[in-house]
C-alpha atoms as a PDB file:
ATOM      1  CA  UNK A   1       1.662 -22.155  36.979  1.00  0.00           C
ATOM      2  CA  UNK A   2       3.226 -25.345  38.730  1.00  0.00           C
ATOM      3  CA  UNK A   3       6.117 -24.286  40.966  1.00  0.00           C
ATOM      4  CA  UNK A   4       9.698 -25.083  39.803  1.00  0.00           C
ATOM      5  CA  UNK A   5      10.353 -28.762  39.716  1.00  0.00           C
ATOM      6  CA  UNK A   6      13.429 -28.267  41.894  1.00  0.00           C
ATOM      7  CA  UNK A   7      15.506 -25.531  43.015  1.00  0.00           C
ATOM      8  CA  UNK A   8      18.263 -24.532  40.276  1.00  0.00           C
ATOM      9  CA  UNK A   9      21.666 -24.963  41.193  1.00  0.00           C
ATOM     10  CA  UNK A  10      23.084 -21.798  38.915  1.00  0.00           C
ATOM     11  CA  UNK A  11      26.700 -22.873  39.053  1.00  0.00           C
ATOM     12  CA  UNK A  12      25.886 -26.503  37.738  1.00  0.00           C
ATOM     13  CA  UNK A  13      23.410 -24.960  35.290  1.00  0.00           C
ATOM     14  CA  UNK A  14      25.930 -22.488  33.954  1.00  0.00           C
ATOM     15  CA  UNK A  15      28.680 -25.112  33.733  1.00  0.00           C
ATOM     16  CA  UNK A  16      26.231 -27.806  31.802  1.00  0.00           C
ATOM     17  CA  UNK A  17      25.179 -25.002  29.327  1.00  0.00           C
ATOM     18  CA  UNK A  18      28.932 -23.840  28.753  1.00  0.00           C
ATOM     19  CA  UNK A  19      29.205 -27.629  27.763  1.00  0.00           C
ATOM     20  CA  UNK A  20      26.294 -27.655  25.460  1.00  0.00           C
ATOM     21  CA  UNK A  21      26.467 -27.477  21.639  1.00  0.00           C
ATOM     22  CA  UNK A  22      24.335 -24.524  21.828  1.00  0.00           C
ATOM     23  CA  UNK A  23      27.363 -22.802  23.523  1.00  0.00           C
ATOM     24  CA  UNK A  24      30.015 -24.363  21.949  1.00  0.00           C
ATOM     25  CA  UNK A  25      28.640 -23.084  18.366  1.00  0.00           C
ATOM     26  CA  UNK A  26      27.829 -19.668  19.802  1.00  0.00           C
ATOM     27  CA  UNK A  27      30.280 -17.848  17.451  1.00  0.00           C
ATOM     28  CA  UNK A  28      28.828 -19.648  14.357  1.00  0.00           C
ATOM     29  CA  UNK A  29      25.257 -18.747  15.586  1.00  0.00           C
ATOM     30  CA  UNK A  30      26.240 -15.225  16.172  1.00  0.00           C
ATOM     31  CA  UNK A  31      27.563 -14.943  12.488  1.00  0.00           C
ATOM     32  CA  UNK A  32      24.410 -16.072  11.032  1.00  0.00           C
ATOM     33  CA  UNK A  33      22.436 -13.969  13.354  1.00  0.00           C
ATOM     34  CA  UNK A  34      24.306 -10.813  12.163  1.00  0.00           C
ATOM     35  CA  UNK A  35      24.104 -11.973   8.494  1.00  0.00           C
ATOM     36  CA  UNK A  36      27.873 -12.233   8.247  1.00  0.00           C
ATOM     37  CA  UNK A  37      27.677 -15.867   7.027  1.00  0.00           C
ATOM     38  CA  UNK A  38      25.514 -18.328   4.843  1.00  0.00           C
ATOM     39  CA  UNK A  39      23.047 -15.791   3.979  1.00  0.00           C
ATOM     40  CA  UNK A  40      20.206 -17.225   1.562  1.00  0.00           C
ATOM     41  CA  UNK A  41      21.158 -16.596  -2.031  1.00  0.00           C
ATOM     42  CA  UNK A  42      17.751 -15.430  -2.947  1.00  0.00           C
ATOM     43  CA  UNK A  43      14.867 -13.951  -0.915  1.00  0.00           C
ATOM     44  CA  UNK A  44      12.822 -16.405   0.955  1.00  0.00           C
ATOM     45  CA  UNK A  45       9.411 -17.205  -0.881  1.00  0.00           C
ATOM     46  CA  UNK A  46       7.513 -20.519  -1.088  1.00  0.00           C
ATOM     47  CA  UNK A  47       7.660 -21.998  -4.469  1.00  0.00           C
ATOM     48  CA  UNK A  48       4.418 -23.767  -3.745  1.00  0.00           C
ATOM     49  CA  UNK A  49       2.419 -20.560  -3.187  1.00  0.00           C
ATOM     50  CA  UNK A  50       0.087 -21.701  -5.758  1.00  0.00           C
ATOM     51  CA  UNK A  51      -0.772 -24.562  -3.665  1.00  0.00           C
ATOM     52  CA  UNK A  52      -1.545 -22.479  -0.757  1.00  0.00           C
ATOM     53  CA  UNK A  53      -5.421 -22.054  -1.013  1.00  0.00           C
ATOM     54  CA  UNK A  54      -6.158 -20.683   2.248  1.00  0.00           C
ATOM     55  CA  UNK A  55      -5.640 -16.832   1.875  1.00  0.00           C
ATOM     56  CA  UNK A  56      -4.902 -16.368   5.734  1.00  0.00           C
ATOM     57  CA  UNK A  57      -2.028 -18.831   5.296  1.00  0.00           C
ATOM     58  CA  UNK A  58      -0.582 -16.758   2.650  1.00  0.00           C
ATOM     59  CA  UNK A  59      -0.927 -13.537   4.593  1.00  0.00           C
ATOM     60  CA  UNK A  60       0.841 -15.332   7.364  1.00  0.00           C
ATOM     61  CA  UNK A  61       3.409 -16.618   4.948  1.00  0.00           C
ATOM     62  CA  UNK A  62       4.322 -13.006   3.773  1.00  0.00           C
ATOM     63  CA  UNK A  63       4.270 -11.460   7.211  1.00  0.00           C
ATOM     64  CA  UNK A  64       6.760 -14.103   8.619  1.00  0.00           C
ATOM     65  CA  UNK A  65       9.134 -13.506   5.674  1.00  0.00           C
ATOM     66  CA  UNK A  66       9.008  -9.568   5.923  1.00  0.00           C
ATOM     67  CA  UNK A  67      10.012  -9.523   9.754  1.00  0.00           C
ATOM     68  CA  UNK A  68      12.610 -12.445   9.696  1.00  0.00           C
ATOM     69  CA  UNK A  69      15.915 -11.601  10.944  1.00  0.00           C
ATOM     70  CA  UNK A  70      19.084 -13.138   9.365  1.00  0.00           C
ATOM     71  CA  UNK A  71      19.372 -16.245  11.690  1.00  0.00           C
ATOM     72  CA  UNK A  72      15.670 -16.929  11.209  1.00  0.00           C
ATOM     73  CA  UNK A  73      15.928 -16.593   7.231  1.00  0.00           C
ATOM     74  CA  UNK A  74      18.862 -19.061   7.540  1.00  0.00           C
ATOM     75  CA  UNK A  75      16.661 -21.651   9.231  1.00  0.00           C
ATOM     76  CA  UNK A  76      13.964 -21.257   6.658  1.00  0.00           C
ATOM     77  CA  UNK A  77      16.371 -21.876   4.128  1.00  0.00           C
ATOM     78  CA  UNK A  78      17.666 -24.920   5.684  1.00  0.00           C
ATOM     79  CA  UNK A  79      14.670 -26.791   6.703  1.00  0.00           C
ATOM     80  CA  UNK A  80      12.395 -28.053   3.658  1.00  0.00           C
ATOM     81  CA  UNK A  81       8.825 -26.700   3.687  1.00  0.00           C
ATOM     82  CA  UNK A  82       9.000 -25.286   7.476  1.00  0.00           C
ATOM     83  CA  UNK A  83       8.036 -21.957   6.095  1.00  0.00           C
ATOM     84  CA  UNK A  84       4.660 -23.248   4.768  1.00  0.00           C
ATOM     85  CA  UNK A  85       4.106 -25.449   8.124  1.00  0.00           C
ATOM     86  CA  UNK A  86       4.891 -22.457  10.516  1.00  0.00           C
ATOM     87  CA  UNK A  87       2.098 -20.493   8.502  1.00  0.00           C
ATOM     88  CA  UNK A  88      -0.097 -23.527   8.632  1.00  0.00           C
ATOM     89  CA  UNK A  89       0.471 -23.975  12.370  1.00  0.00           C
ATOM     90  CA  UNK A  90       0.071 -20.004  13.221  1.00  0.00           C
ATOM     91  CA  UNK A  91      -3.379 -19.557  11.486  1.00  0.00           C
ATOM     92  CA  UNK A  92      -4.736 -22.760  13.293  1.00  0.00           C
ATOM     93  CA  UNK A  93      -3.399 -21.291  16.753  1.00  0.00           C
ATOM     94  CA  UNK A  94      -5.115 -17.872  15.952  1.00  0.00           C
ATOM     95  CA  UNK A  95      -8.242 -19.623  14.758  1.00  0.00           C
ATOM     96  CA  UNK A  96      -8.344 -21.872  18.047  1.00  0.00           C
ATOM     97  CA  UNK A  97      -7.631 -18.633  20.070  1.00  0.00           C
ATOM     98  CA  UNK A  98     -10.370 -16.882  18.406  1.00  0.00           C
ATOM     99  CA  UNK A  99     -13.002 -19.837  18.990  1.00  0.00           C
ATOM    100  CA  UNK A 100     -12.095 -19.964  22.636  1.00  0.00           C
ATOM    101  CA  UNK A 101     -12.082 -16.289  23.270  1.00  0.00           C
ATOM    102  CA  UNK A 102     -14.820 -15.604  25.729  1.00  0.00           C
ATOM    103  CA  UNK A 103     -14.495 -11.718  26.107  1.00  0.00           C
ATOM    104  CA  UNK A 104     -13.104  -8.898  24.017  1.00  0.00           C
ATOM    105  CA  UNK A 105     -10.338  -8.447  26.676  1.00  0.00           C
ATOM    106  CA  UNK A 106      -9.038 -11.779  26.624  1.00  0.00           C
ATOM    107  CA  UNK A 107      -5.578 -12.744  25.253  1.00  0.00           C
ATOM    108  CA  UNK A 108      -3.743 -15.843  24.863  1.00  0.00           C
ATOM    109  CA  UNK A 109       0.281 -16.380  25.061  1.00  0.00           C
ATOM    110  CA  UNK A 110       2.788 -18.256  23.527  1.00  0.00           C
ATOM    111  CA  UNK A 111       6.312 -19.306  24.674  1.00  0.00           C
ATOM    112  CA  UNK A 112       8.815 -19.792  21.884  1.00  0.00           C
ATOM    113  CA  UNK A 113      11.469 -21.971  23.135  1.00  0.00           C
ATOM    114  CA  UNK A 114      15.145 -20.468  22.145  1.00  0.00           C
ATOM    115  CA  UNK A 115      13.458 -19.594  18.849  1.00  0.00           C
ATOM    116  CA  UNK A 116      15.872 -17.331  17.081  1.00  0.00           C
ATOM    117  CA  UNK A 117      14.849 -13.629  16.981  1.00  0.00           C
ATOM    118  CA  UNK A 118      11.227 -14.514  17.700  1.00  0.00           C
ATOM    119  CA  UNK A 119      10.301 -14.100  14.123  1.00  0.00           C
ATOM    120  CA  UNK A 120       7.142 -16.512  14.326  1.00  0.00           C
ATOM    121  CA  UNK A 121       6.174 -15.382  17.511  1.00  0.00           C
ATOM    122  CA  UNK A 122       6.112 -11.625  16.139  1.00  0.00           C
ATOM    123  CA  UNK A 123       4.320 -12.883  12.925  1.00  0.00           C
ATOM    124  CA  UNK A 124       1.658 -14.560  15.050  1.00  0.00           C
ATOM    125  CA  UNK A 125       0.862 -11.460  17.189  1.00  0.00           C
ATOM    126  CA  UNK A 126       0.585  -9.500  14.035  1.00  0.00           C
ATOM    127  CA  UNK A 127      -1.725 -12.106  12.287  1.00  0.00           C
ATOM    128  CA  UNK A 128      -3.859 -12.473  15.500  1.00  0.00           C
ATOM    129  CA  UNK A 129      -4.096  -8.760  15.879  1.00  0.00           C
ATOM    130  CA  UNK A 130      -2.616  -8.915  19.530  1.00  0.00           C
ATOM    131  CA  UNK A 131      -4.972 -11.871  20.293  1.00  0.00           C
ATOM    132  CA  UNK A 132      -1.866 -14.106  21.107  1.00  0.00           C
ATOM    133  CA  UNK A 133       1.039 -12.314  23.033  1.00  0.00           C
ATOM    134  CA  UNK A 134       4.460 -14.020  22.964  1.00  0.00           C
ATOM    135  CA  UNK A 135       7.648 -14.323  24.909  1.00  0.00           C
ATOM    136  CA  UNK A 136      10.718 -15.720  23.167  1.00  0.00           C
ATOM    137  CA  UNK A 137      14.121 -16.932  24.707  1.00  0.00           C
ATOM    138  CA  UNK A 138      17.346 -17.151  23.035  1.00  0.00           C
ATOM    139  CA  UNK A 139      20.991 -17.288  24.259  1.00  0.00           C
ATOM    140  CA  UNK A 140      22.269 -15.740  21.316  1.00  0.00           C
ATOM    141  CA  UNK A 141      22.444 -11.780  21.976  1.00  0.00           C
ATOM    142  CA  UNK A 142      22.496 -10.829  18.298  1.00  0.00           C
ATOM    143  CA  UNK A 143      18.914 -12.183  17.795  1.00  0.00           C
ATOM    144  CA  UNK A 144      17.806  -9.320  20.253  1.00  0.00           C
ATOM    145  CA  UNK A 145      19.043  -6.719  17.643  1.00  0.00           C
ATOM    146  CA  UNK A 146      16.725  -8.275  15.116  1.00  0.00           C
ATOM    147  CA  UNK A 147      13.893  -8.748  17.482  1.00  0.00           C
ATOM    148  CA  UNK A 148      13.854  -5.213  18.829  1.00  0.00           C
ATOM    149  CA  UNK A 149      13.969  -3.899  15.304  1.00  0.00           C
ATOM    150  CA  UNK A 150      10.675  -5.476  14.362  1.00  0.00           C
ATOM    151  CA  UNK A 151       8.547  -6.216  17.745  1.00  0.00           C
ATOM    152  CA  UNK A 152       5.886  -4.403  19.295  1.00  0.00           C
ATOM    153  CA  UNK A 153       7.207  -4.476  22.996  1.00  0.00           C
ATOM    154  CA  UNK A 154       3.389  -4.239  23.879  1.00  0.00           C
ATOM    155  CA  UNK A 155       2.595  -7.701  22.166  1.00  0.00           C
ATOM    156  CA  UNK A 156       6.148  -9.674  22.422  1.00  0.00           C
ATOM    157  CA  UNK A 157       8.990 -10.019  24.933  1.00  0.00           C
ATOM    158  CA  UNK A 158      12.635 -11.273  24.448  1.00  0.00           C
ATOM    159  CA  UNK A 159      14.512 -12.966  27.263  1.00  0.00           C
ATOM    160  CA  UNK A 160      18.032 -13.123  26.044  1.00  0.00           C
ATOM    161  CA  UNK A 161      19.114 -16.208  27.806  1.00  0.00           C
ATOM    162  CA  UNK A 162      18.648 -20.076  27.464  1.00  0.00           C
ATOM    163  CA  UNK A 163      15.264 -21.564  28.140  1.00  0.00           C
ATOM    164  CA  UNK A 164      16.687 -23.234  31.257  1.00  0.00           C
ATOM    165  CA  UNK A 165      17.277 -19.936  32.832  1.00  0.00           C
ATOM    166  CA  UNK A 166      13.525 -19.391  32.568  1.00  0.00           C
ATOM    167  CA  UNK A 167      11.908 -19.910  35.789  1.00  0.00           C
ATOM    168  CA  UNK A 168       8.556 -19.394  37.427  1.00  0.00           C
ATOM    169  CA  UNK A 169      10.065 -16.724  39.435  1.00  0.00           C
ATOM    170  CA  UNK A 170      11.340 -14.951  36.278  1.00  0.00           C
ATOM    171  CA  UNK A 171       7.653 -14.817  35.000  1.00  0.00           C
ATOM    172  CA  UNK A 172       6.695 -13.022  38.319  1.00  0.00           C
ATOM    173  CA  UNK A 173       9.011 -10.117  37.777  1.00  0.00           C
ATOM    174  CA  UNK A 174       7.522  -6.906  36.642  1.00  0.00           C
ATOM    175  CA  UNK A 175       9.251  -7.168  33.177  1.00  0.00           C
ATOM    176  CA  UNK A 176       7.525 -10.511  32.262  1.00  0.00           C
ATOM    177  CA  UNK A 177       4.500 -10.769  34.792  1.00  0.00           C
ATOM    178  CA  UNK A 178       1.883 -10.449  32.125  1.00  0.00           C
ATOM    179  CA  UNK A 179       2.925 -14.316  31.657  1.00  0.00           C
ATOM    180  CA  UNK A 180       2.915 -15.116  35.219  1.00  0.00           C
ATOM    181  CA  UNK A 181       0.019 -17.528  34.925  1.00  0.00           C
ATOM    182  CA  UNK A 182       1.787 -19.584  32.151  1.00  0.00           C
ATOM    183  CA  UNK A 183       1.277 -20.179  28.631  1.00  0.00           C
ATOM    184  CA  UNK A 184      -1.861 -21.410  26.404  1.00  0.00           C
ATOM    185  CA  UNK A 185       1.100 -22.536  23.460  1.00  0.00           C
ATOM    186  CA  UNK A 186       4.489 -23.542  23.759  1.00  0.00           C
ATOM    187  CA  UNK A 187       6.704 -24.064  20.791  1.00  0.00           C
ATOM    188  CA  UNK A 188      10.178 -25.660  20.953  1.00  0.00           C
ATOM    189  CA  UNK A 189      11.708 -24.766  17.636  1.00  0.00           C
ATOM    190  CA  UNK A 190      14.455 -27.378  17.092  1.00  0.00           C
ATOM    191  CA  UNK A 191      16.379 -26.027  20.361  1.00  0.00           C
ATOM    192  CA  UNK A 192      16.581 -29.305  22.723  1.00  0.00           C
ATOM    193  CA  UNK A 193      19.065 -30.692  20.237  1.00  0.00           C
ATOM    194  CA  UNK A 194      21.641 -28.378  20.840  1.00  0.00           C
ATOM    195  CA  UNK A 195      21.666 -28.990  24.904  1.00  0.00           C
ATOM    196  CA  UNK A 196      21.534 -32.768  25.597  1.00  0.00           C
ATOM    197  CA  UNK A 197      19.614 -35.911  24.669  1.00  0.00           C
ATOM    198  CA  UNK A 198      17.767 -35.541  28.118  1.00  0.00           C
ATOM    199  CA  UNK A 199      14.197 -35.201  26.554  1.00  0.00           C
ATOM    200  CA  UNK A 200      12.493 -36.374  29.719  1.00  0.00           C
ATOM    201  CA  UNK A 201      14.265 -33.292  31.799  1.00  0.00           C
ATOM    202  CA  UNK A 202      13.789 -30.790  28.874  1.00  0.00           C
ATOM    203  CA  UNK A 203       9.958 -31.450  28.487  1.00  0.00           C
ATOM    204  CA  UNK A 204       9.425 -31.546  32.091  1.00  0.00           C
ATOM    205  CA  UNK A 205      11.193 -28.115  32.306  1.00  0.00           C
ATOM    206  CA  UNK A 206       8.971 -26.392  29.965  1.00  0.00           C
ATOM    207  CA  UNK A 207       5.741 -28.230  30.752  1.00  0.00           C
ATOM    208  CA  UNK A 208       5.563 -26.424  34.041  1.00  0.00           C
ATOM    209  CA  UNK A 209       4.987 -23.321  32.260  1.00  0.00           C
ATOM    210  CA  UNK A 210       1.959 -24.782  30.266  1.00  0.00           C
ATOM    211  CA  UNK A 211      -1.527 -23.700  31.176  1.00  0.00           C
ATOM    212  CA  UNK A 212      -3.987 -26.591  31.934  1.00  0.00           C
ATOM    213  CA  UNK A 213      -5.314 -27.436  28.726  1.00  0.00           C
ATOM    214  CA  UNK A 214      -2.421 -25.772  26.635  1.00  0.00           C
ATOM    215  CA  UNK A 215      -0.982 -27.205  23.344  1.00  0.00           C
ATOM    216  CA  UNK A 216       3.086 -27.696  23.086  1.00  0.00           C
ATOM    217  CA  UNK A 217       4.683 -28.331  19.964  1.00  0.00           C
ATOM    218  CA  UNK A 218       7.816 -29.864  19.245  1.00  0.00           C
ATOM    219  CA  UNK A 219       9.777 -29.316  16.126  1.00  0.00           C
ATOM    220  CA  UNK A 220      12.778 -31.707  16.182  1.00  0.00           C
ATOM    221  CA  UNK A 221      15.565 -32.845  13.841  1.00  0.00           C
ATOM    222  CA  UNK A 222      15.578 -36.614  14.968  1.00  0.00           C
ATOM    223  CA  UNK A 223      18.331 -39.254  14.877  1.00  0.00           C
ATOM    224  CA  UNK A 224      17.645 -42.752  12.910  1.00  0.00           C
ATOM    225  CA  UNK A 225      18.494 -46.066  14.073  1.00  0.00           C
ATOM    226  CA  UNK A 226      19.864 -46.891  10.455  1.00  0.00           C
ATOM    227  CA  UNK A 227      22.724 -44.313   9.881  1.00  0.00           C
ATOM    228  CA  UNK A 228      22.506 -44.671   5.961  1.00  0.00           C
ATOM    229  CA  UNK A 229      18.982 -43.735   6.317  1.00  0.00           C
ATOM    230  CA  UNK A 230      19.603 -40.658   8.229  1.00  0.00           C
ATOM    231  CA  UNK A 231      22.103 -39.696   5.624  1.00  0.00           C
ATOM    232  CA  UNK A 232      19.746 -40.415   2.535  1.00  0.00           C
ATOM    233  CA  UNK A 233      17.253 -38.178   4.159  1.00  0.00           C
ATOM    234  CA  UNK A 234      20.021 -35.394   4.658  1.00  0.00           C
ATOM    235  CA  UNK A 235      20.925 -35.757   1.027  1.00  0.00           C
ATOM    236  CA  UNK A 236      17.319 -35.228  -0.147  1.00  0.00           C
ATOM    237  CA  UNK A 237      17.181 -32.152   1.801  1.00  0.00           C
ATOM    238  CA  UNK A 238      20.423 -30.657   0.914  1.00  0.00           C
ATOM    239  CA  UNK A 239      20.448 -31.589  -3.140  1.00  0.00           C
ATOM    240  CA  UNK A 240      16.576 -30.798  -3.481  1.00  0.00           C
ATOM    241  CA  UNK A 241      15.795 -27.869  -1.280  1.00  0.00           C
ATOM    242  CA  UNK A 242      18.985 -26.232   0.251  1.00  0.00           C
ATOM    243  CA  UNK A 243      20.460 -25.977  -3.353  1.00  0.00           C
ATOM    244  CA  UNK A 244      17.701 -23.056  -3.905  1.00  0.00           C
ATOM    245  CA  UNK A 245      19.343 -20.970  -1.254  1.00  0.00           C
ATOM    246  CA  UNK A 246      22.974 -21.902  -0.474  1.00  0.00           C
ATOM    247  CA  UNK A 247      26.037 -22.933  -2.717  1.00  0.00           C
ATOM    248  CA  UNK A 248      27.301 -26.501  -2.884  1.00  0.00           C
ATOM    249  CA  UNK A 249      30.414 -25.216  -1.013  1.00  0.00           C
ATOM    250  CA  UNK A 250      28.302 -23.753   2.003  1.00  0.00           C
ATOM    251  CA  UNK A 251      26.000 -26.894   2.162  1.00  0.00           C
ATOM    252  CA  UNK A 252      29.231 -29.230   2.514  1.00  0.00           C
ATOM    253  CA  UNK A 253      31.151 -27.024   4.993  1.00  0.00           C
ATOM    254  CA  UNK A 254      27.950 -27.114   7.267  1.00  0.00           C
ATOM    255  CA  UNK A 255      27.475 -30.936   6.764  1.00  0.00           C
ATOM    256  CA  UNK A 256      31.266 -31.489   7.883  1.00  0.00           C
ATOM    257  CA  UNK A 257      31.748 -28.861  10.470  1.00  0.00           C
ATOM    258  CA  UNK A 258      28.223 -28.883  12.263  1.00  0.00           C
ATOM    259  CA  UNK A 259      26.102 -31.882  11.646  1.00  0.00           C
ATOM    260  CA  UNK A 260      28.611 -33.903  14.173  1.00  0.00           C
ATOM    261  CA  UNK A 261      27.862 -31.544  16.942  1.00  0.00           C
ATOM    262  CA  UNK A 262      24.195 -31.280  16.174  1.00  0.00           C
ATOM    263  CA  UNK A 263      23.688 -35.015  16.040  1.00  0.00           C
ATOM    264  CA  UNK A 264      24.875 -35.671  19.664  1.00  0.00           C
ATOM    265  CA  UNK A 265      21.826 -34.088  21.010  1.00  0.00           C
ATOM    266  CA  UNK A 266      19.365 -35.473  18.736  1.00  0.00           C
ATOM    267  CA  UNK A 267      16.957 -38.652  19.805  1.00  0.00           C
ATOM    268  CA  UNK A 268      15.108 -41.131  17.848  1.00  0.00           C
ATOM    269  CA  UNK A 269      11.511 -40.866  16.998  1.00  0.00           C
ATOM    270  CA  UNK A 270      10.679 -43.719  19.275  1.00  0.00           C
ATOM    271  CA  UNK A 271      12.639 -42.039  22.024  1.00  0.00           C
ATOM    272  CA  UNK A 272      10.883 -38.693  21.776  1.00  0.00           C
ATOM    273  CA  UNK A 273       7.504 -40.060  21.321  1.00  0.00           C
ATOM    274  CA  UNK A 274       8.345 -42.381  24.520  1.00  0.00           C
ATOM    275  CA  UNK A 275       9.108 -39.080  26.356  1.00  0.00           C
ATOM    276  CA  UNK A 276       6.153 -37.448  25.274  1.00  0.00           C
ATOM    277  CA  UNK A 277       3.960 -39.911  25.838  1.00  0.00           C
ATOM    278  CA  UNK A 278       5.019 -40.164  29.430  1.00  0.00           C
ATOM    279  CA  UNK A 279       4.085 -36.610  30.099  1.00  0.00           C
ATOM    280  CA  UNK A 280       1.235 -36.031  27.966  1.00  0.00           C
ATOM    281  CA  UNK A 281      -2.074 -37.793  27.405  1.00  0.00           C
ATOM    282  CA  UNK A 282      -2.488 -37.052  23.725  1.00  0.00           C
ATOM    283  CA  UNK A 283       0.327 -36.725  21.432  1.00  0.00           C
ATOM    284  CA  UNK A 284       0.030 -36.384  17.477  1.00  0.00           C
ATOM    285  CA  UNK A 285       2.529 -36.179  14.687  1.00  0.00           C
ATOM    286  CA  UNK A 286       1.598 -33.525  12.271  1.00  0.00           C
ATOM    287  CA  UNK A 287       4.386 -32.745  10.042  1.00  0.00           C
ATOM    288  CA  UNK A 288       7.437 -34.449   8.830  1.00  0.00           C
ATOM    289  CA  UNK A 289      10.232 -33.328   6.292  1.00  0.00           C
ATOM    290  CA  UNK A 290      13.417 -35.109   5.826  1.00  0.00           C
ATOM    291  CA  UNK A 291      14.769 -35.798   8.981  1.00  0.00           C
ATOM    292  CA  UNK A 292      12.579 -32.942  10.893  1.00  0.00           C
ATOM    293  CA  UNK A 293       9.284 -34.140  12.705  1.00  0.00           C
ATOM    294  CA  UNK A 294       6.673 -31.858  14.317  1.00  0.00           C
ATOM    295  CA  UNK A 295       4.646 -33.107  17.164  1.00  0.00           C
ATOM    296  CA  UNK A 296       1.668 -31.372  19.239  1.00  0.00           C
ATOM    297  CA  UNK A 297       0.917 -32.556  22.671  1.00  0.00           C
ATOM    298  CA  UNK A 298      -1.553 -31.709  25.396  1.00  0.00           C
ATOM    299  CA  UNK A 299      -3.415 -33.359  28.542  1.00  0.00           C
ATOM    300  CA  UNK A 300      -6.633 -32.071  26.949  1.00  0.00           C
ATOM    301  CA  UNK A 301      -7.608 -34.096  24.084  1.00  0.00           C
ATOM    302  CA  UNK A 302     -10.641 -32.094  23.353  1.00  0.00           C
ATOM    303  CA  UNK A 303      -8.627 -29.174  22.901  1.00  0.00           C
ATOM    304  CA  UNK A 304      -5.942 -30.854  20.994  1.00  0.00           C
ATOM    305  CA  UNK A 305      -8.870 -32.309  18.606  1.00  0.00           C
ATOM    306  CA  UNK A 306     -10.214 -28.772  18.120  1.00  0.00           C
ATOM    307  CA  UNK A 307      -6.684 -27.618  17.097  1.00  0.00           C
ATOM    308  CA  UNK A 308      -6.390 -30.543  14.510  1.00  0.00           C
ATOM    309  CA  UNK A 309      -9.976 -29.812  13.253  1.00  0.00           C
ATOM    310  CA  UNK A 310      -8.769 -26.085  12.577  1.00  0.00           C
ATOM    311  CA  UNK A 311      -5.380 -26.967  10.759  1.00  0.00           C
ATOM    312  CA  UNK A 312      -5.428 -27.027   7.001  1.00  0.00           C
ATOM    313  CA  UNK A 313      -3.410 -29.191   4.905  1.00  0.00           C
ATOM    314  CA  UNK A 314       0.187 -29.637   4.762  1.00  0.00           C
ATOM    315  CA  UNK A 315       1.627 -27.750   1.682  1.00  0.00           C
ATOM    316  CA  UNK A 316       4.884 -29.901   0.607  1.00  0.00           C
ATOM    317  CA  UNK A 317       6.293 -32.254  -1.926  1.00  0.00           C
ATOM    318  CA  UNK A 318       5.281 -35.721  -0.523  1.00  0.00           C
ATOM    319  CA  UNK A 319       8.769 -37.219  -1.195  1.00  0.00           C
ATOM    320  CA  UNK A 320      10.040 -35.007   1.728  1.00  0.00           C
ATOM    321  CA  UNK A 321       7.652 -36.565   4.265  1.00  0.00           C
ATOM    322  CA  UNK A 322       9.528 -39.803   5.228  1.00  0.00           C
ATOM    323  CA  UNK A 323       7.122 -40.371   8.206  1.00  0.00           C
ATOM    324  CA  UNK A 324       3.827 -40.223   6.358  1.00  0.00           C
ATOM    325  CA  UNK A 325       2.500 -43.472   7.637  1.00  0.00           C
ATOM    326  CA  UNK A 326       3.070 -42.325  11.529  1.00  0.00           C
ATOM    327  CA  UNK A 327       1.110 -39.024  10.981  1.00  0.00           C
ATOM    328  CA  UNK A 328      -1.771 -38.913  13.534  1.00  0.00           C
ATOM    329  CA  UNK A 329      -1.643 -40.075  17.275  1.00  0.00           C
ATOM    330  CA  UNK A 330       1.491 -41.600  18.315  1.00  0.00           C
ATOM    331  CA  UNK A 331       1.170 -42.147  21.964  1.00  0.00           C
ATOM    332  CA  UNK A 332       3.525 -44.741  22.975  1.00  0.00           C
ATOM    333  CA  UNK A 333       2.635 -48.039  25.168  1.00  0.00           C
ATOM    334  CA  UNK A 334       6.150 -48.080  26.290  1.00  0.00           C
ATOM    335  CA  UNK A 335       6.063 -44.687  27.647  1.00  0.00           C
ATOM    336  CA  UNK A 336       6.950 -45.687  31.550  1.00  0.00           C
ATOM    337  CA  UNK A 337       5.118 -44.385  34.317  1.00  0.00           C
ATOM    338  CA  UNK A 338       2.194 -42.054  33.717  1.00  0.00           C
ATOM    339  CA  UNK A 339       2.760 -40.677  36.897  1.00  0.00           C
ATOM    340  CA  UNK A 340       5.795 -38.650  35.112  1.00  0.00           C
ATOM    341  CA  UNK A 341       3.233 -36.494  33.583  1.00  0.00           C
ATOM    342  CA  UNK A 342       3.139 -34.292  36.428  1.00  0.00           C
ATOM    343  CA  UNK A 343       6.828 -34.169  36.555  1.00  0.00           C
END
């Protein structure tokens, strides 16, 4: 693993974290994570089950739902078809690890960046039968309750602080030293937007934990240069998906109370692609839904190509995929100095 980019000034970091939306909304996230508010009106389940042809994706889907804590359940009910997408990606990661396993004792690792209660990581360890071990950060202490209720501590670990408190030194400590060499996979699950728009610094921070040839995933809610288009995509999400799980009053409240805060840290498609392209040799858009996009990036084009060969088809109605024309390689020619790739 690379050494830390620069010494961390804990006082400055703590001050900046306290000013972030992640911490300003801490009370709301606590309420969601304890199931005190905005609980889905009906149990989560894909209404597109009949379109999922791969039995392993179905198994992952069921496992993910069974172990989901309150906040993660809220997330699955809020982002159209992310449930089906996480199952698709989780199965592909498992198959990639299986294909690259050289001996019976080899294991792989995933770092989930501020990923709620680690529901997806725990589903991945279970689905892969322990082949992939996971480490989840989250600054919301209530998430740790759900994590510990379901997690196998031999396979999944939880760090109850922000991703920006994760350092190479932390991963050398006895509690976390099984990840001292870094991670084969990293997944940022719509976390950066709750801090700042500084994707360059945020991406560089997590890249230092990625093993050579590793894959890093970015699921982000993106801003749009056209405010009317942003709102149109929001309207489709709210009216044609979220009404399955939330009342109109709950949807209206969240739109009024939260979106302004959340949007402060969102970046545009072009801004994110530029930041990713400056730091990785290969960047692919693999999924889009309403204002959300999911990218996978790596400095090993062959490893990324192998993953893409293993991933099955997207399961979602086409009308939710607003970036269909951009699916595939999205490396930006305006990415700036490529020497930043080591930053």
